[in-house]
PDB file of N, CA and C in Angstrom:
ATOM      1  N   MET A   1      -0.501   1.603  17.119  1.00  0.00           N
ATOM      2  CA  MET A   1      -1.515   2.262  16.325  1.00  0.00           C
ATOM      3  C   MET A   1      -1.413   3.764  16.575  1.00  0.00           C
ATOM      4  N   GLN A   2      -1.544   4.517  15.517  1.00  0.00           N
ATOM      5  CA  GLN A   2      -1.477   5.967  15.621  1.00  0.00           C
ATOM      6  C   GLN A   2      -2.850   6.556  15.336  1.00  0.00           C
ATOM      7  N   ILE A   3      -3.131   7.695  15.920  1.00  0.00           N
ATOM      8  CA  ILE A   3      -4.413   8.366  15.714  1.00  0.00           C
ATOM      9  C   ILE A   3      -4.183   9.607  14.867  1.00  0.00           C
ATOM     10  N   VAL A   4      -5.024   9.788  13.847  1.00  0.00           N
ATOM     11  CA  VAL A   4      -4.977  10.987  13.014  1.00  0.00           C
ATOM     12  C   VAL A   4      -6.333  11.682  13.113  1.00  0.00           C
ATOM     13  N   THR A   5      -6.367  12.945  12.749  1.00  0.00           N
ATOM     14  CA  THR A   5      -7.582  13.750  12.833  1.00  0.00           C
ATOM     15  C   THR A   5      -7.994  14.207  11.449  1.00  0.00           C
ATOM     16  N   ILE A   6      -9.284  14.230  11.194  1.00  0.00           N
ATOM     17  CA  ILE A   6      -9.805  14.746   9.924  1.00  0.00           C
ATOM     18  C   ILE A   6      -9.937  16.258  10.058  1.00  0.00           C
ATOM     19  N   SER A   7      -9.361  16.994   9.099  1.00  0.00           N
ATOM     20  CA  SER A   7      -9.435  18.460   9.132  1.00  0.00           C
ATOM     21  C   SER A   7     -10.823  18.932   8.696  1.00  0.00           C
ATOM     22  N   SER A   8     -11.038  20.225   8.774  1.00  0.00           N
ATOM     23  CA  SER A   8     -12.321  20.801   8.348  1.00  0.00           C
ATOM     24  C   SER A   8     -12.554  20.619   6.847  1.00  0.00           C
ATOM     25  N   LYS A   9     -11.475  20.348   6.105  1.00  0.00           N
ATOM     26  CA  LYS A   9     -11.582  20.083   4.665  1.00  0.00           C
ATOM     27  C   LYS A   9     -11.613  18.576   4.388  1.00  0.00           C
ATOM     28  N   PHE A  10     -11.823  17.760   5.424  1.00  0.00           N
ATOM     29  CA  PHE A  10     -11.872  16.304   5.341  1.00  0.00           C
ATOM     30  C   PHE A  10     -10.572  15.696   4.830  1.00  0.00           C
ATOM     31  N   GLN A  11      -9.450  16.280   5.258  1.00  0.00           N
ATOM     32  CA  GLN A  11      -8.131  15.758   4.912  1.00  0.00           C
ATOM     33  C   GLN A  11      -7.508  15.116   6.142  1.00  0.00           C
ATOM     34  N   ILE A  12      -6.655  14.097   5.903  1.00  0.00           N
ATOM     35  CA  ILE A  12      -5.905  13.497   6.992  1.00  0.00           C
ATOM     36  C   ILE A  12      -4.422  13.534   6.635  1.00  0.00           C
ATOM     37  N   VAL A  13      -3.571  13.514   7.639  1.00  0.00           N
ATOM     38  CA  VAL A  13      -2.129  13.484   7.440  1.00  0.00           C
ATOM     39  C   VAL A  13      -1.648  12.080   7.773  1.00  0.00           C
ATOM     40  N   ILE A  14      -0.946  11.451   6.840  1.00  0.00           N
ATOM     41  CA  ILE A  14      -0.372  10.137   7.080  1.00  0.00           C
ATOM     42  C   ILE A  14       0.918  10.342   7.859  1.00  0.00           C
ATOM     43  N   PRO A  15       1.054   9.692   9.013  1.00  0.00           N
ATOM     44  CA  PRO A  15       2.247   9.900   9.841  1.00  0.00           C
ATOM     45  C   PRO A  15       3.545   9.629   9.079  1.00  0.00           C
ATOM     46  N   LYS A  16       4.585  10.392   9.428  1.00  0.00           N
ATOM     47  CA  LYS A  16       5.857  10.362   8.716  1.00  0.00           C
ATOM     48  C   LYS A  16       6.466   8.963   8.661  1.00  0.00           C
ATOM     49  N   ASP A  17       6.465   8.224   9.767  1.00  0.00           N
ATOM     50  CA  ASP A  17       7.096   6.898   9.748  1.00  0.00           C
ATOM     51  C   ASP A  17       6.383   5.951   8.785  1.00  0.00           C
ATOM     52  N   ILE A  18       5.073   6.075   8.645  1.00  0.00           N
ATOM     53  CA  ILE A  18       4.333   5.246   7.689  1.00  0.00           C
ATOM     54  C   ILE A  18       4.646   5.686   6.269  1.00  0.00           C
ATOM     55  N   ARG A  19       4.697   6.998   6.021  1.00  0.00           N
ATOM     56  CA  ARG A  19       5.047   7.499   4.684  1.00  0.00           C
ATOM     57  C   ARG A  19       6.408   6.983   4.257  1.00  0.00           C
ATOM     58  N   GLU A  20       7.364   6.992   5.174  1.00  0.00           N
ATOM     59  CA  GLU A  20       8.715   6.536   4.837  1.00  0.00           C
ATOM     60  C   GLU A  20       8.763   5.036   4.592  1.00  0.00           C
ATOM     61  N   LYS A  21       8.091   4.248   5.436  1.00  0.00           N
ATOM     62  CA  LYS A  21       8.077   2.790   5.262  1.00  0.00           C
ATOM     63  C   LYS A  21       7.433   2.381   3.943  1.00  0.00           C
ATOM     64  N   LEU A  22       6.397   3.102   3.528  1.00  0.00           N
ATOM     65  CA  LEU A  22       5.687   2.771   2.285  1.00  0.00           C
ATOM     66  C   LEU A  22       6.222   3.540   1.077  1.00  0.00           C
ATOM     67  N   ASN A  23       7.238   4.366   1.319  1.00  0.00           N
ATOM     68  CA  ASN A  23       7.837   5.172   0.248  1.00  0.00           C
ATOM     69  C   ASN A  23       6.777   5.999  -0.489  1.00  0.00           C
ATOM     70  N   LEU A  24       5.921   6.666   0.288  1.00  0.00           N
ATOM     71  CA  LEU A  24       4.865   7.491  -0.303  1.00  0.00           C
ATOM     72  C   LEU A  24       5.435   8.832  -0.728  1.00  0.00           C
ATOM     73  N   ARG A  25       4.879   9.359  -1.798  1.00  0.00           N
ATOM     74  CA  ARG A  25       5.303  10.659  -2.319  1.00  0.00           C
ATOM     75  C   ARG A  25       4.080  11.536  -2.525  1.00  0.00           C
ATOM     76  N   SER A  26       4.310  12.830  -2.640  1.00  0.00           N
ATOM     77  CA  SER A  26       3.206  13.746  -2.940  1.00  0.00           C
ATOM     78  C   SER A  26       2.536  13.308  -4.228  1.00  0.00           C
ATOM     79  N   TRP A  27       1.257  13.395  -4.252  1.00  0.00           N
ATOM     80  CA  TRP A  27       0.422  13.096  -5.408  1.00  0.00           C
ATOM     81  C   TRP A  27       0.320  11.600  -5.720  1.00  0.00           C
ATOM     82  N   ASP A  28       0.751  10.717  -4.803  1.00  0.00           N
ATOM     83  CA  ASP A  28       0.456   9.291  -4.976  1.00  0.00           C
ATOM     84  C   ASP A  28      -1.057   9.114  -4.939  1.00  0.00           C
ATOM     85  N   ASN A  29      -1.542   8.104  -5.633  1.00  0.00           N
ATOM     86  CA  ASN A  29      -2.977   7.828  -5.688  1.00  0.00           C
ATOM     87  C   ASN A  29      -3.318   6.625  -4.825  1.00  0.00           C
ATOM     88  N   PHE A  30      -4.531   6.646  -4.274  1.00  0.00           N
ATOM     89  CA  PHE A  30      -5.022   5.562  -3.439  1.00  0.00           C
ATOM     90  C   PHE A  30      -6.409   5.161  -3.886  1.00  0.00           C
ATOM     91  N   GLN A  31      -6.693   3.891  -3.727  1.00  0.00           N
ATOM     92  CA  GLN A  31      -8.050   3.395  -3.891  1.00  0.00           C
ATOM     93  C   GLN A  31      -8.624   3.305  -2.480  1.00  0.00           C
ATOM     94  N   VAL A  32      -9.860   3.751  -2.298  1.00  0.00           N
ATOM     95  CA  VAL A  32     -10.491   3.735  -0.984  1.00  0.00           C
ATOM     96  C   VAL A  32     -11.631   2.732  -1.015  1.00  0.00           C
ATOM     97  N   LEU A  33     -11.608   1.784  -0.079  1.00  0.00           N
ATOM     98  CA  LEU A  33     -12.670   0.793   0.035  1.00  0.00           C
ATOM     99  C   LEU A  33     -13.290   0.870   1.416  1.00  0.00           C
ATOM    100  N   GLN A  34     -14.611   0.786   1.458  1.00  0.00           N
ATOM    101  CA  GLN A  34     -15.336   0.827   2.726  1.00  0.00           C
ATOM    102  C   GLN A  34     -15.744  -0.587   3.118  1.00  0.00           C
ATOM    103  N   TYR A  35     -15.519  -0.929   4.366  1.00  0.00           N
ATOM    104  CA  TYR A  35     -15.939  -2.202   4.940  1.00  0.00           C
ATOM    105  C   TYR A  35     -16.720  -1.898   6.208  1.00  0.00           C
ATOM    106  N   GLY A  36     -18.032  -1.921   6.122  1.00  0.00           N
ATOM    107  CA  GLY A  36     -18.854  -1.614   7.294  1.00  0.00           C
ATOM    108  C   GLY A  36     -18.580  -0.214   7.793  1.00  0.00           C
ATOM    109  N   ASN A  37     -18.074  -0.096   9.022  1.00  0.00           N
ATOM    110  CA  ASN A  37     -17.828   1.227   9.607  1.00  0.00           C
ATOM    111  C   ASN A  37     -16.360   1.628   9.543  1.00  0.00           C
ATOM    112  N   ARG A  38     -15.594   1.049   8.628  1.00  0.00           N
ATOM    113  CA  ARG A  38     -14.188   1.416   8.469  1.00  0.00           C
ATOM    114  C   ARG A  38     -13.852   1.540   6.997  1.00  0.00           C
ATOM    115  N   PHE A  39     -12.701   2.129   6.699  1.00  0.00           N
ATOM    116  CA  PHE A  39     -12.248   2.203   5.316  1.00  0.00           C
ATOM    117  C   PHE A  39     -10.767   1.872   5.266  1.00  0.00           C
ATOM    118  N   GLU A  40     -10.327   1.426   4.083  1.00  0.00           N
ATOM    119  CA  GLU A  40      -8.918   1.100   3.875  1.00  0.00           C
ATOM    120  C   GLU A  40      -8.425   1.823   2.633  1.00  0.00           C
ATOM    121  N   LEU A  41      -7.156   2.243   2.676  1.00  0.00           N
ATOM    122  CA  LEU A  41      -6.513   2.901   1.548  1.00  0.00           C
ATOM    123  C   LEU A  41      -5.527   1.931   0.917  1.00  0.00           C
ATOM    124  N   PHE A  42      -5.565   1.811  -0.394  1.00  0.00           N
ATOM    125  CA  PHE A  42      -4.640   0.968  -1.130  1.00  0.00           C
ATOM    126  C   PHE A  42      -3.881   1.835  -2.130  1.00  0.00           C
ATOM    127  N   ILE A  43      -2.561   1.751  -2.097  1.00  0.00           N
ATOM    128  CA  ILE A  43      -1.736   2.543  -3.000  1.00  0.00           C
ATOM    129  C   ILE A  43      -1.947   2.049  -4.425  1.00  0.00           C
ATOM    130  N   VAL A  44      -2.144   2.978  -5.343  1.00  0.00           N
ATOM    131  CA  VAL A  44      -2.289   2.650  -6.762  1.00  0.00           C
ATOM    132  C   VAL A  44      -1.037   3.153  -7.460  1.00  0.00           C
ATOM    133  N   ARG A  45      -0.252   2.218  -8.002  1.00  0.00           N
ATOM    134  CA  ARG A  45       0.981   2.592  -8.697  1.00  0.00           C
ATOM    135  C   ARG A  45       1.014   1.966 -10.078  1.00  0.00           C
ATOM    136  N   ASP A  46       1.693   2.622 -10.980  1.00  0.00           N
ATOM    137  CA  ASP A  46       1.891   2.093 -12.325  1.00  0.00           C
ATOM    138  C   ASP A  46       2.668   0.786 -12.210  1.00  0.00           C
ATOM    139  N   ILE A  47       2.198  -0.259 -12.863  1.00  0.00           N
ATOM    140  CA  ILE A  47       2.829  -1.570 -12.763  1.00  0.00           C
ATOM    141  C   ILE A  47       4.290  -1.519 -13.205  1.00  0.00           C
ATOM    142  N   ARG A  48       4.630  -0.619 -14.110  1.00  0.00           N
ATOM    143  CA  ARG A  48       6.025  -0.510 -14.568  1.00  0.00           C
ATOM    144  C   ARG A  48       6.953  -0.060 -13.453  1.00  0.00           C
ATOM    145  N   LYS A  49       6.433   0.671 -12.470  1.00  0.00           N
ATOM    146  CA  LYS A  49       7.262   1.115 -11.350  1.00  0.00           C
ATOM    147  C   LYS A  49       7.532  -0.018 -10.361  1.00  0.00           C
ATOM    148  N   SER A  50       6.832  -1.131 -10.512  1.00  0.00           N
ATOM    149  CA  SER A  50       7.008  -2.277  -9.609  1.00  0.00           C
ATOM    150  C   SER A  50       8.128  -3.198 -10.057  1.00  0.00           C
ATOM    151  N   ARG A  51       8.712  -2.924 -11.193  1.00  0.00           N
ATOM    152  CA  ARG A  51       9.770  -3.787 -11.717  1.00  0.00           C
ATOM    153  C   ARG A  51      10.882  -3.976 -10.679  1.00  0.00           C
ATOM    154  N   GLY A  52      11.203  -5.233 -10.404  1.00  0.00           N
ATOM    155  CA  GLY A  52      12.285  -5.558  -9.501  1.00  0.00           C
ATOM    156  C   GLY A  52      11.906  -5.624  -8.035  1.00  0.00           C
ATOM    157  N   PHE A  53      10.622  -5.409  -7.681  1.00  0.00           N
ATOM    158  CA  PHE A  53      10.287  -5.388  -6.260  1.00  0.00           C
ATOM    159  C   PHE A  53      10.330  -6.779  -5.625  1.00  0.00           C
ATOM    160  N   LEU A  54      10.393  -7.836  -6.434  1.00  0.00           N
ATOM    161  CA  LEU A  54      10.509  -9.193  -5.896  1.00  0.00           C
ATOM    162  C   LEU A  54      11.934  -9.719  -5.963  1.00  0.00           C
ATOM    163  N   LYS A  55      12.868  -8.864  -6.301  1.00  0.00           N
ATOM    164  CA  LYS A  55      14.259  -9.275  -6.417  1.00  0.00           C
ATOM    165  C   LYS A  55      14.734  -9.880  -5.093  1.00  0.00           C
ATOM    166  N   GLY A  56      15.354 -11.041  -5.191  1.00  0.00           N
ATOM    167  CA  GLY A  56      15.862 -11.712  -4.004  1.00  0.00           C
ATOM    168  C   GLY A  56      14.846 -12.608  -3.321  1.00  0.00           C
ATOM    169  N   MET A  57      13.635 -12.705  -3.893  1.00  0.00           N
ATOM    170  CA  MET A  57      12.603 -13.553  -3.301  1.00  0.00           C
ATOM    171  C   MET A  57      13.005 -15.019  -3.398  1.00  0.00           C
ATOM    172  N   ASN A  58      12.792 -15.777  -2.353  1.00  0.00           N
ATOM    173  CA  ASN A  58      13.117 -17.201  -2.345  1.00  0.00           C
ATOM    174  C   ASN A  58      12.126 -17.957  -3.234  1.00  0.00           C
ATOM    175  N   THR A  59      12.619 -18.569  -4.287  1.00  0.00           N
ATOM    176  CA  THR A  59      11.767 -19.357  -5.192  1.00  0.00           C
ATOM    177  C   THR A  59      12.090 -20.837  -5.092  1.00  0.00           C
ATOM    178  N   ASP A  60      12.840 -21.218  -4.074  1.00  0.00           N
ATOM    179  CA  ASP A  60      13.259 -22.601  -3.893  1.00  0.00           C
ATOM    180  C   ASP A  60      12.251 -23.340  -3.009  1.00  0.00           C
ATOM    181  N   PHE A  61      11.111 -23.687  -3.589  1.00  0.00           N
ATOM    182  CA  PHE A  61      10.100 -24.446  -2.868  1.00  0.00           C
ATOM    183  C   PHE A  61       9.365 -25.332  -3.867  1.00  0.00           C
ATOM    184  N   GLU A  62       8.704 -26.332  -3.356  1.00  0.00           N
ATOM    185  CA  GLU A  62       7.983 -27.274  -4.218  1.00  0.00           C
ATOM    186  C   GLU A  62       6.637 -26.697  -4.590  1.00  0.00           C
ATOM    187  N   ARG A  63       6.352 -26.696  -5.880  1.00  0.00           N
ATOM    188  CA  ARG A  63       5.083 -26.169  -6.373  1.00  0.00           C
ATOM    189  C   ARG A  63       4.069 -27.293  -6.570  1.00  0.00           C
ATOM    190  N   GLU A  64       2.800 -26.957  -6.499  1.00  0.00           N
ATOM    191  CA  GLU A  64       1.763 -27.929  -6.783  1.00  0.00           C
ATOM    192  C   GLU A  64       1.786 -28.243  -8.269  1.00  0.00           C
ATOM    193  N   ASP A  65       1.356 -29.459  -8.625  1.00  0.00           N
ATOM    194  CA  ASP A  65       1.427 -29.914 -10.023  1.00  0.00           C
ATOM    195  C   ASP A  65       0.712 -28.988 -10.997  1.00  0.00           C
ATOM    196  N   ASP A  66      -0.406 -28.399 -10.590  1.00  0.00           N
ATOM    197  CA  ASP A  66      -1.150 -27.544 -11.510  1.00  0.00           C
ATOM    198  C   ASP A  66      -0.597 -26.120 -11.576  1.00  0.00           C
ATOM    199  N   ARG A  67       0.521 -25.836 -10.905  1.00  0.00           N
ATOM    200  CA  ARG A  67       1.105 -24.493 -10.899  1.00  0.00           C
ATOM    201  C   ARG A  67       2.437 -24.420 -11.625  1.00  0.00           C
ATOM    202  N   LEU A  68       2.767 -25.432 -12.410  1.00  0.00           N
ATOM    203  CA  LEU A  68       4.044 -25.439 -13.108  1.00  0.00           C
ATOM    204  C   LEU A  68       4.000 -24.671 -14.390  1.00  0.00           C
TER     205      LEU A  68
END
């Protein structure tokens, strides 16, 4: 776990290794949700940019009858 600090302008810096793992870029958008005394950030991306992100996914498994 890494610790970040809120600046006087209420900004935080996302650590470099996390930015690289999530392929974050300047001006990416996030949805912010509050859960009690914590918050979570969710990346908001255009669905068209997600094309191919499941490439190579294993689809060789038995499905339930109502999911065919």
